[in-house]
Amino acid sequence: MIRQILLLAPLCIALPAQAQSFELLTEITYADYSEGRGDRQEASVIADIDFGDTSLVIGGATGKRDYGTADFSGSEGSVDLYHDWNDTLTTRTSFSLSSDDPVFANRTIAQEIMVKPADNLVLTGGIGWREYFGDVETTVWSLGPTYYFRGGFVRYTYSDFDIEDRGNTHSHLATVRVNDGSGRGYTQAWLGTGTSIQEYEFVVPDYEGDVTGAALRRVQPVSDTLDLTIGVDYQDFDTPLADYERWGMTGGVKVRW
């Protein structure tokens, strides 16, 4: 975790002077798996720099995954670039790179296009490439709408994963966010189902299976410049080898200036 912060430190000093807003989020996650499948620990730091029409999100993370029979440690760096081309079109370009361990996806590249056909509706389409542990490559495409209402939004995303020499998996993800009546605090929930086990385990299995999950996250302002974050998540895995569950918890601090 300290290494990730040191890597981002020069950006935290240089970029805010040119930005309209700057946020720095640090979080720690712990998850426990049933049926003797170990646990997962992760620490991350994310810098969100807003320049107006362009936003840059730079992240670093380190983690450890104990599978019960073997454990691995890894680190990841990521960059997301958002740009508002006009009132209708926004794009997001992203990539990440990690150590070749089954803790994060080894490498990812993605491009999303967001079109706003109406004041309260955004349509998002994306395509990407990912490489998982063992040099297994995957092509990903996704599509879905976001509907904005007074005080929040609701979103649905369908994703298809074409895995090298393994066939296809898919996922359905629904998200709803409700903002506080005043201030910047909010509560957000996710509900997902599908067959894309590799998105949770970062390893492409040799078998097919189903996964269903839910997550809840709260961002609570405590001052003009400080927010506390807390989240819980749950996944249920149904595979030919074993049926098991994951329970996770995340906590963090966000500072803005």
Protein backbone atom coordinates (compact mmCIF):
# COMPACT_ATOMS: atom_id res chain seq x y z
CA MET A 1 0.00 0.00 0.00
CA ILE A 2 2.81 2.42 0.86
CA ARG A 3 4.44 1.70 -2.48
CA GLN A 4 1.24 2.58 -4.34
CA ILE A 5 0.94 5.90 -2.50
CA LEU A 6 4.57 6.79 -3.22
CA LEU A 7 4.06 6.08 -6.93
CA LEU A 8 1.09 8.48 -7.05
CA ALA A 9 2.68 11.14 -4.83
CA PRO A 10 4.25 13.21 -7.67
CA LEU A 11 0.86 13.38 -9.41
CA CYS A 12 -0.83 14.42 -6.18
CA ILE A 13 1.54 17.38 -5.99
CA ALA A 14 1.71 18.46 -9.65
CA LEU A 15 -1.74 17.87 -11.13
CA PRO A 16 -4.10 19.50 -8.58
CA ALA A 17 -2.70 22.94 -9.44
CA GLN A 18 -4.05 22.54 -12.99
CA ALA A 19 -7.27 20.72 -12.08
CA GLN A 20 -10.72 22.02 -11.23
CA SER A 21 -11.05 19.35 -8.54
CA PHE A 22 -8.90 16.58 -7.10
CA GLU A 23 -9.91 13.55 -5.01
CA LEU A 24 -7.77 10.88 -3.40
CA LEU A 25 -9.41 7.64 -2.22
CA THR A 26 -7.69 4.95 -0.16
CA GLU A 27 -9.51 1.70 0.64
CA ILE A 28 -8.88 -1.69 2.22
CA THR A 29 -10.91 -4.81 1.33
CA TYR A 30 -11.09 -8.19 3.05
CA ALA A 31 -13.11 -11.15 1.79
CA ASP A 32 -13.56 -14.66 3.18
CA TYR A 33 -14.52 -17.71 1.10
CA SER A 34 -16.39 -20.78 2.35
CA GLU A 35 -15.56 -24.45 1.74
CA GLY A 36 -11.88 -23.95 2.57
CA ARG A 37 -11.24 -21.69 -0.43
CA GLY A 38 -9.23 -19.13 1.53
CA ASP A 39 -9.50 -15.36 1.60
CA ARG A 40 -8.55 -12.17 -0.24
CA GLN A 41 -6.91 -8.97 1.02
CA GLU A 42 -6.54 -5.81 -1.04
CA ALA A 43 -5.43 -2.21 -0.52
CA SER A 44 -5.85 0.49 -3.13
CA VAL A 45 -5.33 4.19 -3.74
CA ILE A 46 -7.14 6.10 -6.52
CA ALA A 47 -6.56 9.69 -7.66
CA ASP A 48 -9.44 11.36 -9.54
CA ILE A 49 -8.41 14.59 -11.31
CA ASP A 50 -11.08 16.72 -13.03
CA PHE A 51 -9.85 19.20 -15.66
CA GLY A 52 -13.31 20.18 -16.88
CA ASP A 53 -14.17 18.38 -20.13
CA THR A 54 -11.47 15.79 -19.34
CA SER A 55 -11.06 13.66 -16.21
CA LEU A 56 -8.14 11.38 -15.35
CA VAL A 57 -8.41 8.52 -12.84
CA ILE A 58 -5.14 6.87 -11.82
CA GLY A 59 -5.11 3.87 -9.49
CA GLY A 60 -2.71 1.53 -7.76
CA ALA A 61 -3.53 -1.60 -5.79
CA THR A 62 -1.81 -4.44 -4.03
CA GLY A 63 -3.42 -7.68 -2.92
CA LYS A 64 -3.04 -11.22 -1.68
CA ARG A 65 -5.24 -14.20 -2.59
CA ASP A 66 -5.09 -17.34 -0.48
CA TYR A 67 -6.83 -20.18 -2.36
CA GLY A 68 -6.62 -22.58 0.55
CA THR A 69 -4.00 -24.75 -1.16
CA ALA A 70 -1.76 -21.94 -2.50
CA ASP A 71 -1.45 -18.20 -2.05
CA PHE A 72 -0.36 -15.41 -4.41
CA SER A 73 0.51 -11.73 -4.06
CA GLY A 74 0.24 -9.12 -6.78
CA SER A 75 0.09 -5.42 -7.66
CA GLU A 76 -1.85 -3.46 -10.27
CA GLY A 77 -1.75 -0.02 -11.87
CA SER A 78 -4.62 1.46 -13.88
CA VAL A 79 -5.53 4.59 -15.86
CA ASP A 80 -8.98 5.79 -16.99
CA LEU A 81 -9.39 8.82 -19.27
CA TYR A 82 -12.85 10.39 -19.61
CA HIS A 83 -13.61 13.12 -22.16
CA ASP A 84 -16.82 15.05 -22.85
CA TRP A 85 -16.75 15.79 -26.58
CA ASN A 86 -20.06 17.67 -26.45
CA ASP A 87 -23.38 17.58 -24.60
CA THR A 88 -24.24 14.24 -26.24
CA LEU A 89 -21.01 12.22 -26.50
CA THR A 90 -18.56 11.08 -23.80
CA THR A 91 -15.79 8.50 -24.10
CA ARG A 92 -13.81 6.48 -21.59
CA THR A 93 -10.45 4.93 -22.47
CA SER A 94 -8.83 2.65 -19.90
CA PHE A 95 -5.99 0.22 -19.41
CA SER A 96 -4.37 -1.64 -16.53
CA LEU A 97 -1.24 -3.67 -15.94
CA SER A 98 -0.47 -6.06 -13.11
CA SER A 99 2.02 -8.69 -12.04
CA ASP A 100 1.37 -12.11 -13.60
CA ASP A 101 -0.40 -13.57 -10.58
CA PRO A 102 -4.04 -14.67 -10.09
CA VAL A 103 -4.77 -11.63 -7.91
CA PHE A 104 -5.79 -9.16 -10.65
CA ALA A 105 -6.30 -9.43 -14.40
CA ASN A 106 -2.81 -9.36 -15.93
CA ARG A 107 -3.57 -6.73 -18.58
CA THR A 108 -6.69 -4.90 -19.75
CA ILE A 109 -7.55 -2.40 -22.48
CA ALA A 110 -11.06 -1.00 -22.96
CA GLN A 111 -12.95 1.68 -24.84
CA GLU A 112 -16.45 2.89 -23.95
CA ILE A 113 -18.74 5.31 -25.77
CA MET A 114 -21.58 7.03 -23.91
CA VAL A 115 -24.36 8.70 -25.91
CA LYS A 116 -27.02 10.90 -24.32
CA PRO A 117 -30.17 10.80 -26.50
CA ALA A 118 -32.29 12.48 -23.81
CA ASP A 119 -31.72 14.59 -20.70
CA ASN A 120 -32.26 11.65 -18.34
CA LEU A 121 -30.94 8.77 -20.47
CA VAL A 122 -27.41 7.62 -21.37
CA LEU A 123 -26.63 4.62 -23.58
CA THR A 124 -23.21 2.99 -23.10
CA GLY A 125 -21.41 0.55 -25.37
CA GLY A 126 -17.92 -0.81 -24.89
CA ILE A 127 -15.32 -3.25 -26.19
CA GLY A 128 -12.17 -4.46 -24.49
CA TRP A 129 -9.42 -7.04 -24.21
CA ARG A 130 -8.19 -8.77 -21.08
CA GLU A 131 -5.44 -11.24 -20.28
CA TYR A 132 -5.77 -13.44 -17.23
CA PHE A 133 -3.38 -15.70 -15.32
CA GLY A 134 -1.79 -18.26 -17.61
CA ASP A 135 -1.86 -15.85 -20.59
CA VAL A 136 -5.53 -16.60 -21.30
CA GLU A 137 -6.94 -13.82 -23.51
CA THR A 138 -10.52 -12.59 -23.50
CA THR A 139 -12.46 -10.19 -25.73
CA VAL A 140 -15.22 -8.31 -23.93
CA TRP A 141 -18.15 -6.26 -25.17
CA SER A 142 -20.86 -4.60 -23.10
CA LEU A 143 -24.02 -2.61 -23.63
CA GLY A 144 -26.60 -0.98 -21.42
CA PRO A 145 -28.69 2.08 -20.49
CA THR A 146 -28.52 4.44 -17.52
CA TYR A 147 -31.66 6.29 -16.46
CA TYR A 148 -31.23 9.36 -14.25
CA PHE A 149 -33.96 10.43 -11.88
CA ARG A 150 -34.10 13.23 -9.35
CA GLY A 151 -31.60 12.21 -6.68
CA GLY A 152 -29.92 9.26 -8.36
CA PHE A 153 -29.83 6.80 -11.24
CA VAL A 154 -30.49 3.19 -12.21
CA ARG A 155 -28.27 1.28 -14.67
CA TYR A 156 -28.26 -2.09 -16.44
CA THR A 157 -25.24 -3.61 -18.19
CA TYR A 158 -24.97 -6.81 -20.22
CA SER A 159 -21.45 -8.12 -20.85
CA ASP A 160 -20.21 -10.96 -23.06
CA PHE A 161 -16.75 -12.53 -22.64
CA ASP A 162 -15.22 -14.47 -25.54
CA ILE A 163 -12.48 -16.51 -23.86
CA GLU A 164 -9.62 -17.94 -25.91
CA ASP A 165 -10.18 -21.69 -26.53
CA ARG A 166 -12.83 -21.76 -23.75
CA GLY A 167 -16.01 -20.37 -25.32
CA ASN A 168 -18.21 -17.57 -24.00
CA THR A 169 -19.42 -16.41 -20.62
CA HIS A 170 -21.78 -13.54 -19.81
CA SER A 171 -23.04 -11.33 -17.00
CA HIS A 172 -26.01 -9.14 -16.12
CA LEU A 173 -25.44 -6.26 -13.70
CA ALA A 174 -28.04 -3.86 -12.27
CA THR A 175 -27.02 -0.78 -10.29
CA VAL A 176 -29.03 1.82 -8.38
CA ARG A 177 -27.68 4.89 -6.64
CA VAL A 178 -29.61 7.22 -4.31
CA ASN A 179 -28.07 10.55 -3.35
CA ASP A 180 -28.65 12.22 -0.01
CA GLY A 181 -31.27 14.95 0.03
CA SER A 182 -28.49 17.47 0.61
CA GLY A 183 -24.72 17.25 0.42
CA ARG A 184 -22.59 14.82 -1.59
CA GLY A 185 -23.26 11.59 0.32
CA TYR A 186 -24.94 8.64 -1.39
CA THR A 187 -25.83 4.94 -1.12
CA GLN A 188 -25.33 2.56 -4.05
CA ALA A 189 -26.31 -1.08 -4.58
CA TRP A 190 -25.39 -3.69 -7.20
CA LEU A 191 -27.05 -6.99 -8.14
CA GLY A 192 -25.44 -9.31 -10.67
CA THR A 193 -25.73 -12.79 -12.15
CA GLY A 194 -24.09 -14.76 -14.93
CA THR A 195 -21.37 -17.26 -15.80
CA SER A 196 -18.31 -14.95 -15.81
CA ILE A 197 -16.49 -16.49 -12.84
CA GLN A 198 -13.17 -15.09 -14.10
CA GLU A 199 -14.36 -11.56 -13.31
CA TYR A 200 -14.40 -12.43 -9.60
CA GLU A 201 -11.59 -14.97 -9.31
CA PHE A 202 -9.21 -13.49 -11.95
CA VAL A 203 -8.55 -17.03 -13.16
CA VAL A 204 -10.32 -18.61 -16.13
CA PRO A 205 -11.59 -22.01 -14.90
CA ASP A 206 -11.62 -25.19 -16.99
CA TYR A 207 -15.30 -25.68 -16.18
CA GLU A 208 -18.56 -23.78 -16.54
CA GLY A 209 -20.36 -22.35 -13.55
CA ASP A 210 -22.79 -19.72 -12.32
CA VAL A 211 -22.22 -16.78 -10.01
CA THR A 212 -24.75 -14.48 -8.36
CA GLY A 213 -23.81 -11.52 -6.22
CA ALA A 214 -24.87 -8.33 -4.49
CA ALA A 215 -23.02 -5.35 -3.05
CA LEU A 216 -23.89 -2.27 -1.01
CA ARG A 217 -21.76 0.87 -0.62
CA ARG A 218 -22.15 4.02 1.45
CA VAL A 219 -20.20 7.28 1.03
CA GLN A 220 -20.62 9.47 4.12
CA PRO A 221 -19.24 13.03 4.23
CA VAL A 222 -17.79 14.01 7.61
CA SER A 223 -16.40 17.46 6.63
CA ASP A 224 -16.08 19.75 3.64
CA THR A 225 -13.04 17.82 2.39
CA LEU A 226 -13.35 14.33 3.93
CA ASP A 227 -15.63 11.35 3.17
CA LEU A 228 -15.74 7.92 4.76
CA THR A 229 -16.60 4.89 2.59
CA ILE A 230 -17.90 1.51 3.68
CA GLY A 231 -19.17 -1.43 1.65
CA VAL A 232 -20.20 -5.06 1.88
CA ASP A 233 -20.50 -7.65 -0.87
CA TYR A 234 -21.61 -11.25 -1.33
CA GLN A 235 -21.16 -13.78 -4.14
CA ASP A 236 -22.50 -17.30 -4.51
CA PHE A 237 -20.55 -19.63 -6.84
CA ASP A 238 -22.17 -22.76 -8.26
CA THR A 239 -19.62 -24.91 -10.14
CA PRO A 240 -19.20 -28.63 -10.98
CA LEU A 241 -16.28 -28.85 -8.54
CA ALA A 242 -17.76 -27.00 -5.57
CA ASP A 243 -20.47 -24.64 -4.41
CA TYR A 244 -19.02 -21.87 -2.27
CA GLU A 245 -19.64 -18.30 -1.10
CA ARG A 246 -17.69 -15.09 -0.66
CA TRP A 247 -18.38 -12.43 1.97
CA GLY A 248 -16.44 -9.17 1.69
CA MET A 249 -16.10 -5.82 3.44
CA THR A 250 -14.47 -2.58 2.30
CA GLY A 251 -13.60 0.59 4.22
CA GLY A 252 -11.82 3.74 3.17
CA VAL A 253 -11.23 7.47 3.28
CA LYS A 254 -11.66 10.02 0.46
CA VAL A 255 -9.99 13.43 0.62
CA ARG A 256 -10.80 16.26 -1.80
CA TRP A 257 -9.21 19.62 -2.45
